[in-house]
Amino acid sequence: MEFVLTGSKCKSCGKIFFPKKRVCTNCLSIDNMESENLSKRGKLISYTINYVGTPGFDPPYAFGYIELPEGIWLYSELIVKGSFDELKLGMDVNLAEVETQKDKYGEAYLKWKFEPLS
């Protein structure tokens, strides 16, 4: 199965949302949405590097805003394999599937992050 982020698209005005919505906040249409798979590639618009840990995150780590071609901005953890100096505003990033842990049955918990394209 391919890992994708799915939003919703208003059938009346074409506006795309993530996460999915029941009501279009653009034209106020109700129950007129359809599922829409989002692009896996986007642009890094802004980012921050955190040096103090939050539960569940080992510092240092980076988060940033990603703009998808659909016009949606997502706030996401970033995968940085080398130095944080590789992060540049406007750079292309790609959606990545990351396993966080396994449940008692051995099934993986997955989350999404974005990583710079090399």
PDB file of N, CA and C in Angstrom:
ATOM      1  N   MET A   1       0.836  -1.177   0.000  1.00  0.00           N
ATOM      2  CA  MET A   1       0.000   0.000   0.000  1.00  0.00           C
ATOM      3  C   MET A   1       0.884   1.245   0.000  1.00  0.00           C
ATOM      4  N   GLU A   2       0.547   2.195  -0.830  1.00  0.00           N
ATOM      5  CA  GLU A   2       1.308   3.437  -0.929  1.00  0.00           C
ATOM      6  C   GLU A   2       0.890   4.407   0.174  1.00  0.00           C
ATOM      7  N   PHE A   3       1.849   5.049   0.775  1.00  0.00           N
ATOM      8  CA  PHE A   3       1.616   6.015   1.849  1.00  0.00           C
ATOM      9  C   PHE A   3       1.291   7.373   1.232  1.00  0.00           C
ATOM     10  N   VAL A   4       0.085   7.884   1.494  1.00  0.00           N
ATOM     11  CA  VAL A   4      -0.328   9.197   0.988  1.00  0.00           C
ATOM     12  C   VAL A   4      -1.067   9.950   2.076  1.00  0.00           C
ATOM     13  N   LEU A   5      -1.060  11.262   1.976  1.00  0.00           N
ATOM     14  CA  LEU A   5      -1.902  12.093   2.818  1.00  0.00           C
ATOM     15  C   LEU A   5      -3.170  12.383   2.028  1.00  0.00           C
ATOM     16  N   THR A   6      -4.316  12.223   2.668  1.00  0.00           N
ATOM     17  CA  THR A   6      -5.586  12.428   1.996  1.00  0.00           C
ATOM     18  C   THR A   6      -6.330  13.584   2.640  1.00  0.00           C
ATOM     19  N   GLY A   7      -6.707  14.528   1.815  1.00  0.00           N
ATOM     20  CA  GLY A   7      -7.502  15.664   2.264  1.00  0.00           C
ATOM     21  C   GLY A   7      -8.884  15.579   1.662  1.00  0.00           C
ATOM     22  N   SER A   8      -9.550  16.714   1.589  1.00  0.00           N
ATOM     23  CA  SER A   8     -10.867  16.754   0.954  1.00  0.00           C
ATOM     24  C   SER A   8     -10.920  17.938  -0.004  1.00  0.00           C
ATOM     25  N   LYS A   9     -11.714  17.753  -1.053  1.00  0.00           N
ATOM     26  CA  LYS A   9     -11.879  18.783  -2.078  1.00  0.00           C
ATOM     27  C   LYS A   9     -13.359  19.095  -2.201  1.00  0.00           C
ATOM     28  N   CYS A  10     -13.677  20.386  -2.156  1.00  0.00           N
ATOM     29  CA  CYS A  10     -15.069  20.812  -2.286  1.00  0.00           C
ATOM     30  C   CYS A  10     -15.519  20.647  -3.741  1.00  0.00           C
ATOM     31  N   LYS A  11     -16.634  19.962  -3.927  1.00  0.00           N
ATOM     32  CA  LYS A  11     -17.172  19.761  -5.271  1.00  0.00           C
ATOM     33  C   LYS A  11     -17.765  21.050  -5.843  1.00  0.00           C
ATOM     34  N   SER A  12     -18.089  22.011  -4.973  1.00  0.00           N
ATOM     35  CA  SER A  12     -18.687  23.265  -5.444  1.00  0.00           C
ATOM     36  C   SER A  12     -17.649  24.265  -5.934  1.00  0.00           C
ATOM     37  N   CYS A  13     -16.591  24.478  -5.136  1.00  0.00           N
ATOM     38  CA  CYS A  13     -15.633  25.538  -5.483  1.00  0.00           C
ATOM     39  C   CYS A  13     -14.221  25.025  -5.785  1.00  0.00           C
ATOM     40  N   GLY A  14     -13.943  23.741  -5.499  1.00  0.00           N
ATOM     41  CA  GLY A  14     -12.642  23.160  -5.819  1.00  0.00           C
ATOM     42  C   GLY A  14     -11.564  23.369  -4.766  1.00  0.00           C
ATOM     43  N   LYS A  15     -11.875  24.056  -3.663  1.00  0.00           N
ATOM     44  CA  LYS A  15     -10.882  24.291  -2.602  1.00  0.00           C
ATOM     45  C   LYS A  15     -10.508  22.956  -1.946  1.00  0.00           C
ATOM     46  N   ILE A  16      -9.201  22.788  -1.681  1.00  0.00           N
ATOM     47  CA  ILE A  16      -8.691  21.556  -1.070  1.00  0.00           C
ATOM     48  C   ILE A  16      -8.273  21.847   0.360  1.00  0.00           C
ATOM     49  N   PHE A  17      -8.558  20.894   1.260  1.00  0.00           N
ATOM     50  CA  PHE A  17      -8.276  21.048   2.685  1.00  0.00           C
ATOM     51  C   PHE A  17      -7.518  19.844   3.228  1.00  0.00           C
ATOM     52  N   PHE A  18      -6.729  20.090   4.253  1.00  0.00           N
ATOM     53  CA  PHE A  18      -6.110  19.026   5.041  1.00  0.00           C
ATOM     54  C   PHE A  18      -6.015  19.524   6.471  1.00  0.00           C
ATOM     55  N   PRO A  19      -6.492  18.721   7.437  1.00  0.00           N
ATOM     56  CA  PRO A  19      -7.137  17.421   7.257  1.00  0.00           C
ATOM     57  C   PRO A  19      -8.519  17.579   6.624  1.00  0.00           C
ATOM     58  N   LYS A  20      -9.154  16.441   6.391  1.00  0.00           N
ATOM     59  CA  LYS A  20     -10.466  16.432   5.749  1.00  0.00           C
ATOM     60  C   LYS A  20     -11.456  17.288   6.538  1.00  0.00           C
ATOM     61  N   LYS A  21     -12.379  17.891   5.795  1.00  0.00           N
ATOM     62  CA  LYS A  21     -13.439  18.700   6.384  1.00  0.00           C
ATOM     63  C   LYS A  21     -14.787  18.241   5.853  1.00  0.00           C
ATOM     64  N   ARG A  22     -15.814  18.521   6.623  1.00  0.00           N
ATOM     65  CA  ARG A  22     -17.185  18.246   6.211  1.00  0.00           C
ATOM     66  C   ARG A  22     -17.801  19.485   5.575  1.00  0.00           C
ATOM     67  N   VAL A  23     -17.375  20.659   6.047  1.00  0.00           N
ATOM     68  CA  VAL A  23     -17.899  21.929   5.566  1.00  0.00           C
ATOM     69  C   VAL A  23     -16.773  22.703   4.883  1.00  0.00           C
ATOM     70  N   CYS A  24     -17.048  23.228   3.713  1.00  0.00           N
ATOM     71  CA  CYS A  24     -16.067  24.045   2.995  1.00  0.00           C
ATOM     72  C   CYS A  24     -16.068  25.437   3.609  1.00  0.00           C
ATOM     73  N   THR A  25     -14.943  25.842   4.174  1.00  0.00           N
ATOM     74  CA  THR A  25     -14.863  27.172   4.779  1.00  0.00           C
ATOM     75  C   THR A  25     -14.649  28.257   3.716  1.00  0.00           C
ATOM     76  N   ASN A  26     -14.518  27.868   2.454  1.00  0.00           N
ATOM     77  CA  ASN A  26     -14.379  28.832   1.363  1.00  0.00           C
ATOM     78  C   ASN A  26     -15.752  29.265   0.836  1.00  0.00           C
ATOM     79  N   CYS A  27     -16.634  28.288   0.543  1.00  0.00           N
ATOM     80  CA  CYS A  27     -17.953  28.623  -0.018  1.00  0.00           C
ATOM     81  C   CYS A  27     -19.112  28.216   0.891  1.00  0.00           C
ATOM     82  N   LEU A  28     -18.799  27.622   2.045  1.00  0.00           N
ATOM     83  CA  LEU A  28     -19.771  27.201   3.062  1.00  0.00           C
ATOM     84  C   LEU A  28     -20.679  26.062   2.612  1.00  0.00           C
ATOM     85  N   SER A  29     -20.278  25.337   1.589  1.00  0.00           N
ATOM     86  CA  SER A  29     -21.006  24.153   1.146  1.00  0.00           C
ATOM     87  C   SER A  29     -20.872  23.068   2.217  1.00  0.00           C
ATOM     88  N   ILE A  30     -21.969  22.346   2.500  1.00  0.00           N
ATOM     89  CA  ILE A  30     -21.972  21.308   3.533  1.00  0.00           C
ATOM     90  C   ILE A  30     -22.146  19.939   2.882  1.00  0.00           C
ATOM     91  N   ASP A  31     -21.357  18.964   3.363  1.00  0.00           N
ATOM     92  CA  ASP A  31     -21.418  17.584   2.868  1.00  0.00           C
ATOM     93  C   ASP A  31     -21.286  17.496   1.347  1.00  0.00           C
ATOM     94  N   ASN A  32     -20.419  18.315   0.798  1.00  0.00           N
ATOM     95  CA  ASN A  32     -20.197  18.320  -0.643  1.00  0.00           C
ATOM     96  C   ASN A  32     -18.701  18.148  -0.938  1.00  0.00           C
ATOM     97  N   MET A  33     -18.051  17.315  -0.105  1.00  0.00           N
ATOM     98  CA  MET A  33     -16.618  17.108  -0.217  1.00  0.00           C
ATOM     99  C   MET A  33     -16.317  15.715  -0.756  1.00  0.00           C
ATOM    100  N   GLU A  34     -15.178  15.601  -1.431  1.00  0.00           N
ATOM    101  CA  GLU A  34     -14.697  14.310  -1.899  1.00  0.00           C
ATOM    102  C   GLU A  34     -13.243  14.147  -1.462  1.00  0.00           C
ATOM    103  N   SER A  35     -12.809  12.899  -1.297  1.00  0.00           N
ATOM    104  CA  SER A  35     -11.425  12.632  -0.901  1.00  0.00           C
ATOM    105  C   SER A  35     -10.473  13.058  -2.004  1.00  0.00           C
ATOM    106  N   GLU A  36      -9.323  13.587  -1.585  1.00  0.00           N
ATOM    107  CA  GLU A  36      -8.317  14.058  -2.528  1.00  0.00           C
ATOM    108  C   GLU A  36      -6.937  13.688  -1.998  1.00  0.00           C
ATOM    109  N   ASN A  37      -6.197  12.858  -2.746  1.00  0.00           N
ATOM    110  CA  ASN A  37      -4.818  12.553  -2.364  1.00  0.00           C
ATOM    111  C   ASN A  37      -3.952  13.772  -2.634  1.00  0.00           C
ATOM    112  N   LEU A  38      -3.109  14.111  -1.666  1.00  0.00           N
ATOM    113  CA  LEU A  38      -2.260  15.287  -1.782  1.00  0.00           C
ATOM    114  C   LEU A  38      -0.909  14.933  -2.393  1.00  0.00           C
ATOM    115  N   SER A  39      -0.254  15.928  -2.930  1.00  0.00           N
ATOM    116  CA  SER A  39       1.080  15.749  -3.513  1.00  0.00           C
ATOM    117  C   SER A  39       2.063  15.322  -2.440  1.00  0.00           C
ATOM    118  N   LYS A  40       3.062  14.550  -2.840  1.00  0.00           N
ATOM    119  CA  LYS A  40       4.105  14.111  -1.907  1.00  0.00           C
ATOM    120  C   LYS A  40       5.273  15.091  -1.877  1.00  0.00           C
ATOM    121  N   ARG A  41       5.332  15.979  -2.823  1.00  0.00           N
ATOM    122  CA  ARG A  41       6.445  16.927  -2.912  1.00  0.00           C
ATOM    123  C   ARG A  41       5.937  18.329  -2.626  1.00  0.00           C
ATOM    124  N   GLY A  42       6.744  19.098  -1.902  1.00  0.00           N
ATOM    125  CA  GLY A  42       6.381  20.472  -1.601  1.00  0.00           C
ATOM    126  C   GLY A  42       7.622  21.332  -1.436  1.00  0.00           C
ATOM    127  N   LYS A  43       7.423  22.546  -0.966  1.00  0.00           N
ATOM    128  CA  LYS A  43       8.510  23.512  -0.742  1.00  0.00           C
ATOM    129  C   LYS A  43       8.562  23.872   0.741  1.00  0.00           C
ATOM    130  N   LEU A  44       9.771  23.972   1.261  1.00  0.00           N
ATOM    131  CA  LEU A  44       9.975  24.383   2.647  1.00  0.00           C
ATOM    132  C   LEU A  44       9.819  25.899   2.721  1.00  0.00           C
ATOM    133  N   ILE A  45       8.808  26.358   3.457  1.00  0.00           N
ATOM    134  CA  ILE A  45       8.480  27.778   3.530  1.00  0.00           C
ATOM    135  C   ILE A  45       9.125  28.437   4.747  1.00  0.00           C
ATOM    136  N   SER A  46       9.165  27.706   5.859  1.00  0.00           N
ATOM    137  CA  SER A  46       9.720  28.217   7.107  1.00  0.00           C
ATOM    138  C   SER A  46      10.104  27.025   7.968  1.00  0.00           C
ATOM    139  N   TYR A  47      11.060  27.211   8.870  1.00  0.00           N
ATOM    140  CA  TYR A  47      11.431  26.109   9.757  1.00  0.00           C
ATOM    141  C   TYR A  47      12.049  26.637  11.036  1.00  0.00           C
ATOM    142  N   THR A  48      12.088  25.772  12.029  1.00  0.00           N
ATOM    143  CA  THR A  48      12.744  26.078  13.289  1.00  0.00           C
ATOM    144  C   THR A  48      13.475  24.835  13.771  1.00  0.00           C
ATOM    145  N   ILE A  49      14.557  25.045  14.474  1.00  0.00           N
ATOM    146  CA  ILE A  49      15.317  23.945  15.062  1.00  0.00           C
ATOM    147  C   ILE A  49      15.144  24.027  16.570  1.00  0.00           C
ATOM    148  N   ASN A  50      14.709  22.937  17.151  1.00  0.00           N
ATOM    149  CA  ASN A  50      14.465  22.880  18.598  1.00  0.00           C
ATOM    150  C   ASN A  50      15.631  22.182  19.284  1.00  0.00           C
ATOM    151  N   TYR A  51      16.210  22.854  20.259  1.00  0.00           N
ATOM    152  CA  TYR A  51      17.351  22.312  20.990  1.00  0.00           C
ATOM    153  C   TYR A  51      16.972  21.814  22.375  1.00  0.00           C
ATOM    154  N   VAL A  52      15.734  22.088  22.797  1.00  0.00           N
ATOM    155  CA  VAL A  52      15.242  21.621  24.091  1.00  0.00           C
ATOM    156  C   VAL A  52      14.156  20.595  23.803  1.00  0.00           C
ATOM    157  N   GLY A  53      14.231  19.445  24.455  1.00  0.00           N
ATOM    158  CA  GLY A  53      13.321  18.344  24.152  1.00  0.00           C
ATOM    159  C   GLY A  53      11.904  18.533  24.645  1.00  0.00           C
ATOM    160  N   THR A  54      10.996  17.976  23.910  1.00  0.00           N
ATOM    161  CA  THR A  54       9.594  17.835  24.269  1.00  0.00           C
ATOM    162  C   THR A  54       9.360  16.342  24.389  1.00  0.00           C
ATOM    163  N   PRO A  55       8.490  15.881  25.291  1.00  0.00           N
ATOM    164  CA  PRO A  55       8.265  14.436  25.388  1.00  0.00           C
ATOM    165  C   PRO A  55       7.979  13.804  24.022  1.00  0.00           C
ATOM    166  N   GLY A  56       8.730  12.754  23.723  1.00  0.00           N
ATOM    167  CA  GLY A  56       8.567  12.055  22.455  1.00  0.00           C
ATOM    168  C   GLY A  56       9.537  12.498  21.373  1.00  0.00           C
ATOM    169  N   PHE A  57      10.310  13.543  21.626  1.00  0.00           N
ATOM    170  CA  PHE A  57      11.266  14.048  20.642  1.00  0.00           C
ATOM    171  C   PHE A  57      12.630  14.170  21.304  1.00  0.00           C
ATOM    172  N   ASP A  58      13.652  13.692  20.603  1.00  0.00           N
ATOM    173  CA  ASP A  58      15.015  13.807  21.106  1.00  0.00           C
ATOM    174  C   ASP A  58      15.695  14.991  20.427  1.00  0.00           C
ATOM    175  N   PRO A  59      16.075  16.011  21.186  1.00  0.00           N
ATOM    176  CA  PRO A  59      16.695  17.186  20.564  1.00  0.00           C
ATOM    177  C   PRO A  59      18.100  16.888  20.076  1.00  0.00           C
ATOM    178  N   PRO A  60      18.592  17.649  19.132  1.00  0.00           N
ATOM    179  CA  PRO A  60      17.864  18.681  18.388  1.00  0.00           C
ATOM    180  C   PRO A  60      17.037  18.063  17.252  1.00  0.00           C
ATOM    181  N   TYR A  61      15.974  18.735  16.889  1.00  0.00           N
ATOM    182  CA  TYR A  61      15.109  18.305  15.795  1.00  0.00           C
ATOM    183  C   TYR A  61      14.517  19.537  15.137  1.00  0.00           C
ATOM    184  N   ALA A  62      13.997  19.361  13.937  1.00  0.00           N
ATOM    185  CA  ALA A  62      13.472  20.497  13.169  1.00  0.00           C
ATOM    186  C   ALA A  62      12.017  20.261  12.772  1.00  0.00           C
ATOM    187  N   PHE A  63      11.253  21.342  12.764  1.00  0.00           N
ATOM    188  CA  PHE A  63       9.885  21.379  12.257  1.00  0.00           C
ATOM    189  C   PHE A  63       9.803  22.502  11.238  1.00  0.00           C
ATOM    190  N   GLY A  64       8.911  22.359  10.277  1.00  0.00           N
ATOM    191  CA  GLY A  64       8.765  23.422   9.299  1.00  0.00           C
ATOM    192  C   GLY A  64       7.399  23.430   8.642  1.00  0.00           C
ATOM    193  N   TYR A  65       7.112  24.537   7.965  1.00  0.00           N
ATOM    194  CA  TYR A  65       5.907  24.647   7.152  1.00  0.00           C
ATOM    195  C   TYR A  65       6.256  24.254   5.730  1.00  0.00           C
ATOM    196  N   ILE A  66       5.435  23.360   5.179  1.00  0.00           N
ATOM    197  CA  ILE A  66       5.606  22.859   3.821  1.00  0.00           C
ATOM    198  C   ILE A  66       4.418  23.337   2.992  1.00  0.00           C
ATOM    199  N   GLU A  67       4.691  23.946   1.837  1.00  0.00           N
ATOM    200  CA  GLU A  67       3.617  24.336   0.937  1.00  0.00           C
ATOM    201  C   GLU A  67       3.512  23.295  -0.174  1.00  0.00           C
ATOM    202  N   LEU A  68       2.334  22.691  -0.297  1.00  0.00           N
ATOM    203  CA  LEU A  68       2.077  21.718  -1.350  1.00  0.00           C
ATOM    204  C   LEU A  68       1.536  22.430  -2.584  1.00  0.00           C
ATOM    205  N   PRO A  69       1.656  21.829  -3.770  1.00  0.00           N
ATOM    206  CA  PRO A  69       1.149  22.452  -4.996  1.00  0.00           C
ATOM    207  C   PRO A  69      -0.345  22.788  -4.930  1.00  0.00           C
ATOM    208  N   GLU A  70      -1.079  22.081  -4.075  1.00  0.00           N
ATOM    209  CA  GLU A  70      -2.521  22.332  -3.931  1.00  0.00           C
ATOM    210  C   GLU A  70      -2.814  23.625  -3.174  1.00  0.00           C
ATOM    211  N   GLY A  71      -1.753  24.294  -2.675  1.00  0.00           N
ATOM    212  CA  GLY A  71      -1.939  25.533  -1.921  1.00  0.00           C
ATOM    213  C   GLY A  71      -2.074  25.332  -0.425  1.00  0.00           C
ATOM    214  N   ILE A  72      -1.949  24.102   0.027  1.00  0.00           N
ATOM    215  CA  ILE A  72      -2.062  23.776   1.452  1.00  0.00           C
ATOM    216  C   ILE A  72      -0.701  23.931   2.109  1.00  0.00           C
ATOM    217  N   TRP A  73      -0.701  24.459   3.325  1.00  0.00           N
ATOM    218  CA  TRP A  73       0.511  24.518   4.141  1.00  0.00           C
ATOM    219  C   TRP A  73       0.375  23.500   5.257  1.00  0.00           C
ATOM    220  N   LEU A  74       1.380  22.644   5.415  1.00  0.00           N
ATOM    221  CA  LEU A  74       1.405  21.641   6.478  1.00  0.00           C
ATOM    222  C   LEU A  74       2.546  21.951   7.437  1.00  0.00           C
ATOM    223  N   TYR A  75       2.322  21.735   8.714  1.00  0.00           N
ATOM    224  CA  TYR A  75       3.385  21.854   9.715  1.00  0.00           C
ATOM    225  C   TYR A  75       3.872  20.439   9.980  1.00  0.00           C
ATOM    226  N   SER A  76       5.156  20.193   9.778  1.00  0.00           N
ATOM    227  CA  SER A  76       5.663  18.829   9.838  1.00  0.00           C
ATOM    228  C   SER A  76       7.046  18.776  10.450  1.00  0.00           C
ATOM    229  N   GLU A  77       7.322  17.661  11.104  1.00  0.00           N
ATOM    230  CA  GLU A  77       8.690  17.390  11.513  1.00  0.00           C
ATOM    231  C   GLU A  77       9.507  17.147  10.246  1.00  0.00           C
ATOM    232  N   LEU A  78      10.769  17.554  10.281  1.00  0.00           N
ATOM    233  CA  LEU A  78      11.651  17.395   9.128  1.00  0.00           C
ATOM    234  C   LEU A  78      12.706  16.342   9.420  1.00  0.00           C
ATOM    235  N   ILE A  79      13.030  15.556   8.411  1.00  0.00           N
ATOM    236  CA  ILE A  79      14.105  14.577   8.521  1.00  0.00           C
ATOM    237  C   ILE A  79      15.383  15.258   8.055  1.00  0.00           C
ATOM    238  N   VAL A  80      16.367  15.332   8.928  1.00  0.00           N
ATOM    239  CA  VAL A  80      17.654  15.931   8.577  1.00  0.00           C
ATOM    240  C   VAL A  80      18.721  14.885   8.863  1.00  0.00           C
ATOM    241  N   LYS A  81      19.327  14.363   7.813  1.00  0.00           N
ATOM    242  CA  LYS A  81      20.306  13.280   7.971  1.00  0.00           C
ATOM    243  C   LYS A  81      21.710  13.794   8.247  1.00  0.00           C
ATOM    244  N   GLY A  82      21.998  15.007   7.827  1.00  0.00           N
ATOM    245  CA  GLY A  82      23.329  15.588   8.036  1.00  0.00           C
ATOM    246  C   GLY A  82      23.236  16.753   8.999  1.00  0.00           C
ATOM    247  N   SER A  83      23.650  17.889   8.529  1.00  0.00           N
ATOM    248  CA  SER A  83      23.645  19.116   9.316  1.00  0.00           C
ATOM    249  C   SER A  83      22.355  19.897   9.064  1.00  0.00           C
ATOM    250  N   PHE A  84      21.922  20.635  10.068  1.00  0.00           N
ATOM    251  CA  PHE A  84      20.757  21.501   9.890  1.00  0.00           C
ATOM    252  C   PHE A  84      21.039  22.595   8.858  1.00  0.00           C
ATOM    253  N   ASP A  85      22.310  22.807   8.537  1.00  0.00           N
ATOM    254  CA  ASP A  85      22.680  23.798   7.518  1.00  0.00           C
ATOM    255  C   ASP A  85      22.152  23.420   6.136  1.00  0.00           C
ATOM    256  N   GLU A  86      21.761  22.144   5.948  1.00  0.00           N
ATOM    257  CA  GLU A  86      21.234  21.730   4.639  1.00  0.00           C
ATOM    258  C   GLU A  86      19.824  22.266   4.412  1.00  0.00           C
ATOM    259  N   LEU A  87      19.130  22.714   5.457  1.00  0.00           N
ATOM    260  CA  LEU A  87      17.781  23.264   5.314  1.00  0.00           C
ATOM    261  C   LEU A  87      17.868  24.666   4.723  1.00  0.00           C
ATOM    262  N   LYS A  88      17.134  24.887   3.638  1.00  0.00           N
ATOM    263  CA  LYS A  88      17.108  26.178   2.955  1.00  0.00           C
ATOM    264  C   LYS A  88      15.662  26.522   2.610  1.00  0.00           C
ATOM    265  N   LEU A  89      15.274  27.753   2.865  1.00  0.00           N
ATOM    266  CA  LEU A  89      13.930  28.190   2.501  1.00  0.00           C
ATOM    267  C   LEU A  89      13.726  28.038   0.998  1.00  0.00           C
ATOM    268  N   GLY A  90      12.565  27.507   0.624  1.00  0.00           N
ATOM    269  CA  GLY A  90      12.243  27.307  -0.784  1.00  0.00           C
ATOM    270  C   GLY A  90      12.720  25.987  -1.355  1.00  0.00           C
ATOM    271  N   MET A  91      13.466  25.208  -0.565  1.00  0.00           N
ATOM    272  CA  MET A  91      13.968  23.933  -1.088  1.00  0.00           C
ATOM    273  C   MET A  91      12.842  22.926  -1.251  1.00  0.00           C
ATOM    274  N   ASP A  92      13.026  21.990  -2.185  1.00  0.00           N
ATOM    275  CA  ASP A  92      12.059  20.918  -2.393  1.00  0.00           C
ATOM    276  C   ASP A  92      12.191  19.882  -1.279  1.00  0.00           C
ATOM    277  N   VAL A  93      11.041  19.426  -0.788  1.00  0.00           N
ATOM    278  CA  VAL A  93      10.997  18.374   0.228  1.00  0.00           C
ATOM    279  C   VAL A  93      10.007  17.318  -0.225  1.00  0.00           C
ATOM    280  N   ASN A  94      10.159  16.118   0.324  1.00  0.00           N
ATOM    281  CA  ASN A  94       9.338  14.994  -0.081  1.00  0.00           C
ATOM    282  C   ASN A  94       8.741  14.312   1.147  1.00  0.00           C
ATOM    283  N   LEU A  95       7.518  13.830   1.011  1.00  0.00           N
ATOM    284  CA  LEU A  95       6.834  13.113   2.082  1.00  0.00           C
ATOM    285  C   LEU A  95       7.536  11.791   2.364  1.00  0.00           C
ATOM    286  N   ALA A  96       7.723  11.491   3.645  1.00  0.00           N
ATOM    287  CA  ALA A  96       8.343  10.228   4.049  1.00  0.00           C
ATOM    288  C   ALA A  96       7.486   9.575   5.126  1.00  0.00           C
ATOM    289  N   GLU A  97       7.425   8.263   5.073  1.00  0.00           N
ATOM    290  CA  GLU A  97       6.717   7.454   6.057  1.00  0.00           C
ATOM    291  C   GLU A  97       7.747   6.979   7.081  1.00  0.00           C
ATOM    292  N   VAL A  98       7.455   7.190   8.366  1.00  0.00           N
ATOM    293  CA  VAL A  98       8.405   6.852   9.417  1.00  0.00           C
ATOM    294  C   VAL A  98       7.721   5.968  10.458  1.00  0.00           C
ATOM    295  N   GLU A  99       8.365   4.859  10.790  1.00  0.00           N
ATOM    296  CA  GLU A  99       7.850   3.967  11.831  1.00  0.00           C
ATOM    297  C   GLU A  99       8.286   4.510  13.192  1.00  0.00           C
ATOM    298  N   THR A 100       7.337   4.665  14.117  1.00  0.00           N
ATOM    299  CA  THR A 100       7.682   5.205  15.430  1.00  0.00           C
ATOM    300  C   THR A 100       7.884   4.121  16.476  1.00  0.00           C
ATOM    301  N   GLN A 101       7.026   3.122  16.471  1.00  0.00           N
ATOM    302  CA  GLN A 101       7.121   2.010  17.415  1.00  0.00           C
ATOM    303  C   GLN A 101       6.197   0.903  16.937  1.00  0.00           C
ATOM    304  N   LYS A 102       6.165  -0.198  17.669  1.00  0.00           N
ATOM    305  CA  LYS A 102       5.260  -1.309  17.327  1.00  0.00           C
ATOM    306  C   LYS A 102       4.298  -1.540  18.487  1.00  0.00           C
ATOM    307  N   ASP A 103       3.090  -1.982  18.140  1.00  0.00           N
ATOM    308  CA  ASP A 103       2.128  -2.306  19.187  1.00  0.00           C
ATOM    309  C   ASP A 103       2.391  -3.724  19.703  1.00  0.00           C
ATOM    310  N   LYS A 104       1.557  -4.194  20.615  1.00  0.00           N
ATOM    311  CA  LYS A 104       1.790  -5.504  21.227  1.00  0.00           C
ATOM    312  C   LYS A 104       1.644  -6.660  20.240  1.00  0.00           C
ATOM    313  N   TYR A 105       1.082  -6.402  19.062  1.00  0.00           N
ATOM    314  CA  TYR A 105       0.930  -7.438  18.042  1.00  0.00           C
ATOM    315  C   TYR A 105       2.026  -7.358  16.984  1.00  0.00           C
ATOM    316  N   GLY A 106       2.953  -6.426  17.150  1.00  0.00           N
ATOM    317  CA  GLY A 106       4.051  -6.273  16.201  1.00  0.00           C
ATOM    318  C   GLY A 106       3.739  -5.373  15.019  1.00  0.00           C
ATOM    319  N   GLU A 107       2.551  -4.752  15.032  1.00  0.00           N
ATOM    320  CA  GLU A 107       2.180  -3.840  13.950  1.00  0.00           C
ATOM    321  C   GLU A 107       2.818  -2.468  14.197  1.00  0.00           C
ATOM    322  N   ALA A 108       3.334  -1.864  13.138  1.00  0.00           N
ATOM    323  CA  ALA A 108       4.041  -0.587  13.268  1.00  0.00           C
ATOM    324  C   ALA A 108       3.074   0.589  13.351  1.00  0.00           C
ATOM    325  N   TYR A 109       3.406   1.545  14.209  1.00  0.00           N
ATOM    326  CA  TYR A 109       2.754   2.844  14.217  1.00  0.00           C
ATOM    327  C   TYR A 109       3.543   3.712  13.242  1.00  0.00           C
ATOM    328  N   LEU A 110       2.839   4.370  12.349  1.00  0.00           N
ATOM    329  CA  LEU A 110       3.500   5.183  11.333  1.00  0.00           C
ATOM    330  C   LEU A 110       3.134   6.655  11.508  1.00  0.00           C
ATOM    331  N   LYS A 111       4.060   7.525  11.166  1.00  0.00           N
ATOM    332  CA  LYS A 111       3.764   8.951  11.095  1.00  0.00           C
ATOM    333  C   LYS A 111       4.451   9.496   9.859  1.00  0.00           C
ATOM    334  N   TRP A 112       4.096  10.708   9.491  1.00  0.00           N
ATOM    335  CA  TRP A 112       4.693  11.304   8.313  1.00  0.00           C
ATOM    336  C   TRP A 112       5.584  12.461   8.706  1.00  0.00           C
ATOM    337  N   LYS A 113       6.619  12.620   7.891  1.00  0.00           N
ATOM    338  CA  LYS A 113       7.561  13.726   8.007  1.00  0.00           C
ATOM    339  C   LYS A 113       7.922  14.131   6.583  1.00  0.00           C
ATOM    340  N   PHE A 114       8.599  15.239   6.442  1.00  0.00           N
ATOM    341  CA  PHE A 114       9.120  15.633   5.141  1.00  0.00           C
ATOM    342  C   PHE A 114      10.641  15.656   5.219  1.00  0.00           C
ATOM    343  N   GLU A 115      11.289  15.291   4.105  1.00  0.00           N
ATOM    344  CA  GLU A 115      12.744  15.286   4.052  1.00  0.00           C
ATOM    345  C   GLU A 115      13.214  16.054   2.824  1.00  0.00           C
ATOM    346  N   PRO A 116      14.348  16.738   2.954  1.00  0.00           N
ATOM    347  CA  PRO A 116      14.894  17.466   1.801  1.00  0.00           C
ATOM    348  C   PRO A 116      15.223  16.507   0.659  1.00  0.00           C
ATOM    349  N   LEU A 117      14.963  16.973  -0.565  1.00  0.00           N
ATOM    350  CA  LEU A 117      15.362  16.203  -1.738  1.00  0.00           C
ATOM    351  C   LEU A 117      16.810  16.550  -2.060  1.00  0.00           C
ATOM    352  N   SER A 118      17.570  15.534  -2.356  1.00  0.00           N
ATOM    353  CA  SER A 118      18.987  15.801  -2.643  1.00  0.00           C
ATOM    354  C   SER A 118      19.238  16.023  -4.104  1.00  0.00           C
TER     355      SER A 118
END
